[in-house]
Amino acid sequence: MMRTASRKPTMVATLLGAALLTACGSGPTPTAMPAPATTAVPLTATVTTTTTGSASTTTGPAPTTTAGVAPPTGAGMATPGAALAAAPAPASGCLSTGSGVPAGATTKQVIDVDGDGRPDTGWLSSDGTTFGITTASGATFSVPIELAGGGPRKVLVENTDDHGTIAALASDGRTVELLVVTNCGLLPATNAQGAHYEFDLGLRGTGTGVGCSQITGTPGRSLVGLNVHRNAAGQPDSVHRTQIILDGSSARNGATDIIPTTNNPTAVQSGSDISCGDLTINHDGVTERK
């Protein structure tokens, strides 16, 4: 099936409203709901952290997770199928606008994106070229998907920092487009150069997955880009993580760290997945109907 994707994002509602960049990214150095607390598999290893251009090396346990946080990528695998919870925000939801879920679209219950305490509905148009969200309050907003790969499109909606920073990760198996929900609208996130922020999934060698973790030296959980590194024998030996700082529709790379994978086989799996806390794209994402 041929797809024609518009390069200009459109929204069927109010327009204002997991990292290592691909060729369109901003370079290698640059917010998922409350859920039962999880504990990362402890790692005693050397962790290298870069925050503001200077590197420091610390020997000791790798970062542990907090409530609702996926094990720090490389320290364990998220548990699929956990109940979807509402974002903790005292609001009445978005105003009812738009025409609702279009005919023929594939739908999936997603997290509460507008803070009214009710789960919302994510959807992909019948041709897979448009992703949208229809809230329980009746608001609908959408944006074109610009992915060029031939794989089925999947979209995971997540609360990246447990504080209401909502992102949608759209993937075709090769690339992940970063979308953000803000002010009752859905927008493509842009990098420092003004291009659409994307993650690599092994196609370009700059990344292998996306997650939500607390990077060493940072105050809390955030969206992270993941890259599984391999040794000379081709065996995985570490997962490199890059913090993605979201501000409205702007996405910038932040602090980085390295999680060794020795004696931790789930590290490579989680480092090659698209997940956030207990949510994974294969179990909790909206999947295009083929």
Protein backbone atom coordinates (compact mmCIF):
# COMPACT_ATOMS: atom_id res chain seq x y z
CA MET A 1 0.00 0.00 0.00
CA MET A 2 1.43 3.33 -1.06
CA ARG A 3 1.46 6.02 1.59
CA THR A 4 1.71 9.72 1.00
CA ALA A 5 2.70 11.58 4.13
CA SER A 6 2.37 15.31 4.41
CA ARG A 7 5.40 17.10 5.76
CA LYS A 8 3.16 19.75 7.34
CA PRO A 9 1.52 18.58 10.59
CA THR A 10 -2.24 19.19 10.79
CA MET A 11 -4.50 18.84 13.81
CA VAL A 12 -8.23 18.13 13.95
CA ALA A 13 -8.62 20.28 17.02
CA THR A 14 -6.95 23.13 18.79
CA LEU A 15 -3.47 23.40 17.25
CA LEU A 16 -1.69 24.02 20.47
CA GLY A 17 -3.00 21.16 21.97
CA ALA A 18 11.84 6.86 23.55
CA ALA A 19 18.04 9.21 22.30
CA LEU A 20 20.16 9.42 19.99
CA LEU A 21 19.24 11.39 16.94
CA THR A 22 19.00 10.02 13.46
CA ALA A 23 20.21 11.90 10.44
CA CYS A 24 17.57 14.51 11.23
CA GLY A 25 18.53 14.72 14.90
CA SER A 26 20.42 17.26 16.84
CA GLY A 27 23.49 15.12 17.56
CA PRO A 28 24.65 12.65 20.13
CA THR A 29 25.10 15.17 22.92
CA PRO A 30 22.11 17.01 23.69
CA THR A 31 8.18 13.10 30.31
CA ALA A 32 4.00 6.51 31.93
CA MET A 33 1.62 6.78 34.58
CA PRO A 34 1.92 6.10 38.30
CA ALA A 35 2.22 2.33 38.64
CA PRO A 36 3.29 -0.17 41.26
CA ALA A 37 6.86 0.46 42.29
CA THR A 38 9.47 -1.57 40.52
CA THR A 39 13.03 -2.22 41.48
CA ALA A 40 15.82 -2.44 38.98
CA VAL A 41 18.15 -5.40 38.99
CA PRO A 42 21.13 -3.90 40.82
CA LEU A 43 24.28 -3.45 38.88
CA THR A 44 27.66 -2.82 40.41
CA ALA A 45 29.57 -1.24 37.64
CA THR A 46 31.35 1.82 36.39
CA VAL A 47 28.90 4.45 35.17
CA THR A 48 30.15 7.31 33.03
CA THR A 49 27.99 10.42 33.14
CA THR A 50 28.13 13.55 31.04
CA THR A 51 25.94 16.44 32.13
CA THR A 52 27.24 19.80 31.02
CA GLY A 53 30.13 18.79 28.84
CA SER A 54 32.33 17.37 31.59
CA ALA A 55 32.53 13.65 32.31
CA SER A 56 32.85 11.95 35.66
CA THR A 57 33.25 8.28 36.52
CA THR A 58 31.53 6.70 39.51
CA THR A 59 31.90 3.12 40.70
CA GLY A 60 28.93 1.67 42.51
CA PRO A 61 25.34 0.53 42.02
CA ALA A 62 23.62 1.63 38.84
CA PRO A 63 20.61 3.96 39.26
CA THR A 64 17.49 2.35 40.68
CA THR A 65 13.97 3.10 39.57
CA THR A 66 11.15 4.90 41.30
CA ALA A 67 7.40 4.23 41.23
CA GLY A 68 6.17 3.54 37.72
CA VAL A 69 9.64 3.73 36.20
CA ALA A 70 10.99 1.12 33.85
CA PRO A 71 14.20 -0.39 35.12
CA PRO A 72 16.94 1.95 33.98
CA THR A 73 17.48 0.79 30.48
CA GLY A 74 19.97 -1.97 30.67
CA ALA A 75 18.96 -2.89 34.20
CA GLY A 76 15.74 -4.81 33.54
CA MET A 77 12.70 -5.23 31.36
CA ALA A 78 9.36 -3.47 31.83
CA THR A 79 6.40 -5.70 32.66
CA PRO A 80 3.90 -5.70 29.75
CA GLY A 81 0.19 -5.50 30.33
CA ALA A 82 0.07 -3.47 33.53
CA ALA A 83 -3.13 -1.46 34.05
CA LEU A 84 -3.19 1.94 32.42
CA ALA A 85 -3.49 4.69 35.02
CA ALA A 86 -4.60 8.29 34.76
CA ALA A 87 -2.21 11.23 34.90
CA PRO A 88 -2.31 12.93 38.30
CA ALA A 89 -3.58 16.34 37.26
CA PRO A 90 -6.66 18.07 38.71
CA ALA A 91 -8.32 19.23 35.50
CA SER A 92 -11.66 18.89 33.76
CA GLY A 93 -10.26 17.63 30.48
CA CYS A 94 -10.10 19.17 27.03
CA LEU A 95 -13.17 20.84 25.56
CA SER A 96 -15.17 18.63 23.20
CA THR A 97 -13.99 19.47 19.69
CA GLY A 98 -13.44 17.66 16.41
CA SER A 99 -15.37 14.81 14.83
CA GLY A 100 -14.15 11.92 16.96
CA VAL A 101 -12.48 8.71 15.83
CA PRO A 102 -12.67 8.42 12.03
CA ALA A 103 -14.39 5.46 10.38
CA GLY A 104 -12.13 2.47 9.84
CA ALA A 105 -9.46 3.60 12.29
CA THR A 106 -7.68 1.18 14.60
CA THR A 107 -8.18 2.17 18.24
CA LYS A 108 -6.59 1.41 21.60
CA GLN A 109 -7.20 2.68 25.12
CA VAL A 110 -4.30 4.89 26.13
CA ILE A 111 -3.34 6.84 29.23
CA ASP A 112 -5.16 9.98 30.34
CA VAL A 113 -3.57 12.78 28.34
CA ASP A 114 -5.70 15.72 29.54
CA GLY A 115 -5.74 15.20 33.30
CA ASP A 116 -9.44 14.50 33.84
CA GLY A 117 -8.76 11.14 35.47
CA ARG A 118 -10.18 9.05 32.61
CA PRO A 119 -8.27 7.00 30.02
CA ASP A 120 -8.42 8.26 26.47
CA THR A 121 -8.46 6.62 23.01
CA GLY A 122 -5.54 6.56 20.61
CA TRP A 123 -6.17 5.75 16.96
CA LEU A 124 -4.49 5.22 13.61
CA SER A 125 -6.37 6.00 10.40
CA SER A 126 -7.26 3.06 8.15
CA ASP A 127 -4.29 3.80 5.88
CA GLY A 128 -1.89 4.28 8.78
CA THR A 129 -0.92 7.80 7.77
CA THR A 130 -2.55 9.74 10.63
CA PHE A 131 -2.34 9.27 14.38
CA GLY A 132 -4.86 10.89 16.70
CA ILE A 133 -6.22 10.93 20.23
CA THR A 134 -9.88 11.30 21.20
CA THR A 135 -10.24 12.14 24.87
CA ALA A 136 -12.99 10.90 27.19
CA SER A 137 -14.21 14.51 27.28
CA GLY A 138 -14.77 14.45 23.50
CA ALA A 139 -11.78 16.33 22.14
CA THR A 140 -10.04 14.96 19.05
CA PHE A 141 -6.63 16.01 17.76
CA SER A 142 -4.36 14.34 15.23
CA VAL A 143 -1.19 14.68 13.19
CA PRO A 144 0.16 13.03 10.01
CA ILE A 145 2.71 10.21 10.42
CA GLU A 146 5.74 10.79 8.21
CA LEU A 147 7.38 7.37 8.56
CA ALA A 148 8.62 5.92 5.29
CA GLY A 149 9.32 2.31 6.34
CA GLY A 150 7.15 -0.56 5.17
CA GLY A 151 6.50 -2.07 8.60
CA PRO A 152 3.17 -1.63 10.41
CA ARG A 153 2.93 1.67 12.23
CA LYS A 154 2.67 1.50 16.01
CA VAL A 155 2.25 4.36 18.48
CA LEU A 156 2.85 4.30 22.24
CA VAL A 157 1.42 7.16 24.33
CA GLU A 158 3.28 7.76 27.59
CA ASN A 159 3.70 10.10 30.55
CA THR A 160 7.45 10.41 30.26
CA ASP A 161 8.25 11.98 33.64
CA ASP A 162 5.22 11.03 35.79
CA HIS A 163 4.40 14.74 35.96
CA GLY A 164 2.19 15.09 32.90
CA THR A 165 4.71 15.51 30.09
CA ILE A 166 2.90 13.42 27.48
CA ALA A 167 4.68 12.04 24.42
CA ALA A 168 3.61 9.70 21.62
CA LEU A 169 6.24 7.50 19.99
CA ALA A 170 5.32 6.49 16.44
CA SER A 171 7.38 3.70 14.86
CA ASP A 172 7.61 1.68 11.66
CA GLY A 173 10.27 -0.64 13.08
CA ARG A 174 13.16 1.40 11.72
CA THR A 175 12.59 4.92 13.03
CA VAL A 176 10.62 6.50 15.88
CA GLU A 177 8.94 9.87 15.41
CA LEU A 178 8.53 11.90 18.59
CA LEU A 179 5.14 13.58 19.01
CA VAL A 180 3.99 15.62 22.02
CA VAL A 181 0.58 16.35 23.52
CA THR A 182 0.33 19.92 24.73
CA ASN A 183 -2.58 22.30 25.34
CA CYS A 184 -5.13 19.84 23.95
CA GLY A 185 -3.22 19.41 20.72
CA LEU A 186 -0.81 16.94 19.12
CA LEU A 187 2.39 18.25 17.57
CA PRO A 188 5.61 16.83 16.13
CA ALA A 189 8.58 17.53 18.41
CA THR A 190 11.36 19.47 16.77
CA ASN A 191 15.10 19.33 17.40
CA ALA A 192 17.56 22.20 17.72
CA GLN A 193 17.70 22.57 13.94
CA GLY A 194 13.90 22.82 13.64
CA ALA A 195 13.56 19.37 12.04
CA HIS A 196 11.30 16.59 13.32
CA TYR A 197 12.99 14.82 16.26
CA GLU A 198 13.47 11.14 15.50
CA PHE A 199 15.10 8.11 17.14
CA ASP A 200 17.02 5.42 15.29
CA LEU A 201 16.18 1.72 15.74
CA GLY A 202 19.39 0.30 14.31
CA LEU A 203 18.98 1.52 10.74
CA ARG A 204 21.66 4.19 11.02
CA GLY A 205 23.68 2.80 13.90
CA THR A 206 22.92 5.70 16.23
CA GLY A 207 20.28 4.06 18.43
CA THR A 208 18.34 0.87 19.15
CA GLY A 209 15.39 1.87 21.37
CA VAL A 210 13.51 4.44 23.45
CA GLY A 211 12.57 4.33 27.12
CA CYS A 212 11.88 6.30 30.29
CA SER A 213 14.63 6.30 32.91
CA GLN A 214 16.49 8.48 35.36
CA ILE A 215 19.86 9.32 33.93
CA THR A 216 22.66 9.39 36.48
CA GLY A 217 23.01 12.87 37.99
CA THR A 218 19.57 14.11 36.90
CA PRO A 219 16.71 14.89 39.32
CA GLY A 220 14.12 12.40 38.01
CA ARG A 221 12.78 10.27 35.21
CA SER A 222 12.71 11.49 31.64
CA LEU A 223 12.40 10.25 28.10
CA VAL A 224 15.65 8.60 26.98
CA GLY A 225 17.14 7.42 23.73
CA LEU A 226 18.94 4.06 23.91
CA ASN A 227 21.82 2.52 22.02
CA VAL A 228 23.08 -1.00 22.67
CA HIS A 229 26.84 -1.16 22.08
CA ARG A 230 28.65 -4.38 21.13
CA ASN A 231 32.23 -5.50 21.58
CA ALA A 232 34.64 -6.69 18.90
CA ALA A 233 33.09 -10.17 19.03
CA GLY A 234 29.66 -8.73 18.33
CA GLN A 235 28.36 -9.31 21.84
CA PRO A 236 26.45 -6.53 23.64
CA ASP A 237 28.47 -5.00 26.45
CA SER A 238 26.62 -1.79 27.42
CA VAL A 239 23.61 0.42 26.82
CA HIS A 240 24.25 4.11 26.22
CA ARG A 241 21.39 6.36 27.34
CA THR A 242 20.65 9.97 26.38
CA GLN A 243 18.17 12.17 28.22
CA ILE A 244 15.61 13.95 26.04
CA ILE A 245 14.47 17.27 27.48
CA LEU A 246 10.95 18.24 26.37
CA ASP A 247 9.76 21.84 26.53
CA GLY A 248 6.45 22.27 24.73
CA SER A 249 7.11 20.88 21.26
CA SER A 250 10.88 21.35 21.56
CA ALA A 251 13.13 18.32 22.18
CA ARG A 252 16.78 18.66 23.17
CA ASN A 253 19.44 16.14 24.15
CA GLY A 254 20.62 16.32 27.75
CA ALA A 255 22.77 14.23 30.07
CA THR A 256 24.10 10.80 29.08
CA ASP A 257 25.27 7.70 30.92
CA ILE A 258 26.34 4.12 30.25
CA ILE A 259 24.82 0.98 31.80
CA PRO A 260 26.98 -2.18 31.46
CA THR A 261 25.09 -5.33 30.42
CA THR A 262 27.40 -7.93 31.99
CA ASN A 263 25.38 -10.63 33.81
CA ASN A 264 22.19 -8.80 32.94
CA PRO A 265 20.63 -10.39 29.82
CA THR A 266 17.41 -8.36 30.04
CA ALA A 267 19.41 -5.18 29.56
CA VAL A 268 19.85 -5.74 25.84
CA GLN A 269 16.17 -6.56 25.39
CA SER A 270 14.97 -3.43 27.16
CA GLY A 271 17.64 -1.40 25.36
CA SER A 272 16.20 -2.55 22.04
CA ASP A 273 12.56 -1.86 22.86
CA ILE A 274 10.16 1.10 22.89
CA SER A 275 8.74 1.33 26.38
CA CYS A 276 7.99 3.53 29.37
CA GLY A 277 7.42 2.14 32.86
CA ASP A 278 5.05 -0.83 32.51
CA LEU A 279 4.01 0.15 28.98
CA THR A 280 5.53 -1.32 25.83
CA ILE A 281 4.69 -0.44 22.25
CA ASN A 282 3.93 -4.05 21.27
CA HIS A 283 1.46 -4.60 24.11
CA ASP A 284 0.07 -1.14 24.83
CA GLY A 285 0.57 0.74 21.57
CA VAL A 286 -1.97 1.45 18.85
CA THR A 287 -1.10 -0.85 15.93
CA GLU A 288 -1.99 -0.25 12.30
CA ARG A 289 -4.42 -2.77 10.84
CA LYS A 290 -2.87 -4.71 7.94
